[in-house]
Amino acid sequence: MGLSLTAQAEPEPVHNMSQPSGQPTPTSPPLVDGNEVQAVKTASRANPSDTGVGVYHIPTNRVHLIPISQTHPYGHTAFVRQLGLTPADCRGFVIALAPGGQFVVENISGLNRGSGGATSFQMPQPLFDGLKRAVIAAGL
């Protein structure tokens, strides 16, 4: 009797849509590539102006990171286009090197307009807090 192995597709992310704003709250930690975290850290240490651009893709529960110098033109929307994603399906944040040498994650991006309030550049705080924890756990 032989053993049969079959590849399983990754499960679809599950989002809690019960937030009053209708914004997703991942029920599992977002996926973050540690190599992308390291690339942002390396670029920022070499040039503190080379901040990290973070994009959270809601449908896949995946965080994408890149140094701003590698987006063309600079910024979140350019990075979303590079990834072939739709801006409406994404939220953004910034990773910067603080003067003391620590990295900070900031809740700000034009991608967030309308998600935290009509004129806000911030995503809802519970969503941001989960993304920040995931990025830190991936090596920030």
Protein backbone atom coordinates (compact mmCIF):
# COMPACT_ATOMS: atom_id res chain seq x y z
CA MET A 1 0.00 0.00 0.00
CA GLY A 2 1.63 3.25 -1.16
CA LEU A 3 1.44 6.67 0.37
CA SER A 4 0.00 9.41 -1.80
CA LEU A 5 0.88 13.06 -1.22
CA THR A 6 -1.04 15.88 -2.78
CA ALA A 7 -0.16 19.55 -2.72
CA GLN A 8 -2.62 21.72 -0.91
CA ALA A 9 -3.31 25.29 -1.88
CA GLU A 10 -2.79 27.93 0.78
CA PRO A 11 -6.06 28.66 2.54
CA GLU A 12 -7.80 31.88 1.66
CA PRO A 13 -7.29 34.53 4.35
CA VAL A 14 -10.18 35.03 6.69
CA HIS A 15 -11.20 38.59 7.53
CA ASN A 16 -13.54 39.80 10.22
CA MET A 17 -15.80 42.28 8.45
CA SER A 18 -17.74 43.17 11.60
CA GLN A 19 -15.77 46.37 12.15
CA PRO A 20 -18.13 49.38 12.23
CA SER A 21 -16.24 50.93 9.33
CA GLY A 22 -16.52 47.73 7.27
CA GLN A 23 -12.72 47.51 7.25
CA PRO A 24 -11.12 44.06 7.42
CA THR A 25 -9.41 42.83 10.53
CA PRO A 26 -7.32 39.75 9.74
CA THR A 27 -8.15 36.82 11.98
CA SER A 28 -4.71 35.36 11.29
CA PRO A 29 -1.42 37.28 11.25
CA PRO A 30 -0.60 38.87 7.91
CA LEU A 31 2.15 37.20 5.87
CA VAL A 32 5.40 39.19 5.85
CA ASP A 33 8.57 38.19 3.97
CA GLY A 34 11.58 38.57 6.29
CA ASN A 35 13.82 39.20 3.26
CA GLU A 36 11.75 42.26 2.39
CA VAL A 37 12.07 43.50 5.98
CA GLN A 38 15.85 43.09 5.79
CA ALA A 39 16.03 44.92 2.43
CA VAL A 40 14.20 47.90 3.94
CA LYS A 41 16.45 47.90 7.02
CA THR A 42 19.62 47.71 4.91
CA ALA A 43 18.52 50.54 2.62
CA SER A 44 17.45 52.77 5.53
CA ARG A 45 20.70 52.20 7.42
CA ALA A 46 22.68 53.14 4.29
CA ASN A 47 20.50 56.23 3.72
CA PRO A 48 18.02 57.23 6.44
CA SER A 49 15.96 59.07 3.80
CA ASP A 50 15.34 55.75 2.07
CA THR A 51 12.27 54.87 4.11
CA GLY A 52 10.37 51.63 3.75
CA VAL A 53 7.10 51.55 1.85
CA GLY A 54 4.67 49.03 3.28
CA VAL A 55 1.58 47.81 1.43
CA TYR A 56 -1.00 45.49 2.92
CA HIS A 57 -3.04 43.61 0.30
CA ILE A 58 -6.38 42.85 1.94
CA PRO A 59 -7.56 39.93 -0.27
CA THR A 60 -4.38 37.89 0.31
CA ASN A 61 -3.57 39.04 3.88
CA ARG A 62 -0.04 39.76 2.62
CA VAL A 63 2.34 42.62 3.46
CA HIS A 64 4.74 43.80 0.75
CA LEU A 65 7.77 45.95 1.64
CA ILE A 66 10.29 47.85 -0.44
CA PRO A 67 12.70 50.78 0.05
CA ILE A 68 11.14 53.95 -1.36
CA SER A 69 14.12 54.38 -3.69
CA GLN A 70 12.96 51.26 -5.55
CA THR A 71 9.45 52.55 -6.31
CA HIS A 72 8.97 54.43 -9.58
CA PRO A 73 7.80 57.11 -9.14
CA TYR A 74 8.20 57.23 -5.39
CA GLY A 75 5.44 56.07 -3.09
CA HIS A 76 2.73 53.61 -2.16
CA THR A 77 0.60 53.90 -5.28
CA ALA A 78 3.63 53.31 -7.50
CA PHE A 79 4.54 50.23 -5.48
CA VAL A 80 0.98 48.89 -5.70
CA ARG A 81 1.17 49.29 -9.49
CA GLN A 82 4.57 47.55 -9.58
CA LEU A 83 2.96 44.64 -7.73
CA GLY A 84 0.04 44.54 -10.17
CA LEU A 85 -2.46 45.14 -7.37
CA THR A 86 -5.50 47.41 -7.13
CA PRO A 87 -5.11 50.43 -4.81
CA ALA A 88 -8.65 49.97 -3.43
CA ASP A 89 -7.59 46.51 -2.13
CA CYS A 90 -4.56 47.89 -0.29
CA ARG A 91 -3.59 49.90 2.76
CA GLY A 92 -0.22 51.53 3.35
CA PHE A 93 2.30 52.38 6.03
CA VAL A 94 5.86 53.65 6.32
CA ILE A 95 8.94 52.24 8.06
CA ALA A 96 11.55 54.81 9.06
CA LEU A 97 14.85 54.79 10.91
CA ALA A 98 14.56 57.00 14.00
CA PRO A 99 17.54 59.08 15.20
CA GLY A 100 18.31 56.57 17.99
CA GLY A 101 18.75 53.76 15.44
CA GLN A 102 15.39 52.10 16.09
CA PHE A 103 12.91 51.45 13.31
CA VAL A 104 9.42 52.90 13.63
CA VAL A 105 6.29 51.92 11.76
CA GLU A 106 4.00 54.85 10.89
CA ASN A 107 0.32 54.61 9.97
CA ILE A 108 0.25 56.95 6.99
CA SER A 109 -0.41 56.58 3.27
CA GLY A 110 -2.65 57.96 0.57
CA LEU A 111 -3.86 54.38 0.12
CA ASN A 112 -5.65 54.72 3.46
CA ARG A 113 -7.87 57.63 2.41
CA GLY A 114 -11.43 56.81 3.25
CA SER A 115 -10.52 53.78 5.37
CA GLY A 116 -9.97 55.61 8.65
CA GLY A 117 -12.24 58.54 7.84
CA ALA A 118 -13.05 60.56 4.75
CA THR A 119 -9.95 62.74 4.96
CA SER A 120 -7.68 60.47 6.98
CA PHE A 121 -4.39 59.12 5.71
CA GLN A 122 -4.50 56.47 8.43
CA MET A 123 -6.03 52.99 8.33
CA PRO A 124 -8.16 51.89 11.30
CA GLN A 125 -5.94 51.44 14.36
CA PRO A 126 -6.76 47.75 15.02
CA LEU A 127 -5.73 46.85 11.45
CA PHE A 128 -2.53 48.90 11.72
CA ASP A 129 -1.64 47.36 15.10
CA GLY A 130 -1.87 43.85 13.64
CA LEU A 131 0.26 44.79 10.63
CA LYS A 132 2.87 46.43 12.86
CA ARG A 133 3.10 43.32 15.06
CA ALA A 134 3.53 41.10 11.99
CA VAL A 135 6.32 43.28 10.55
CA ILE A 136 8.15 43.34 13.89
CA ALA A 137 7.79 39.56 14.21
CA ALA A 138 9.31 39.19 10.70
CA GLY A 139 12.53 40.87 11.84
CA LEU A 140 12.02 44.61 12.11
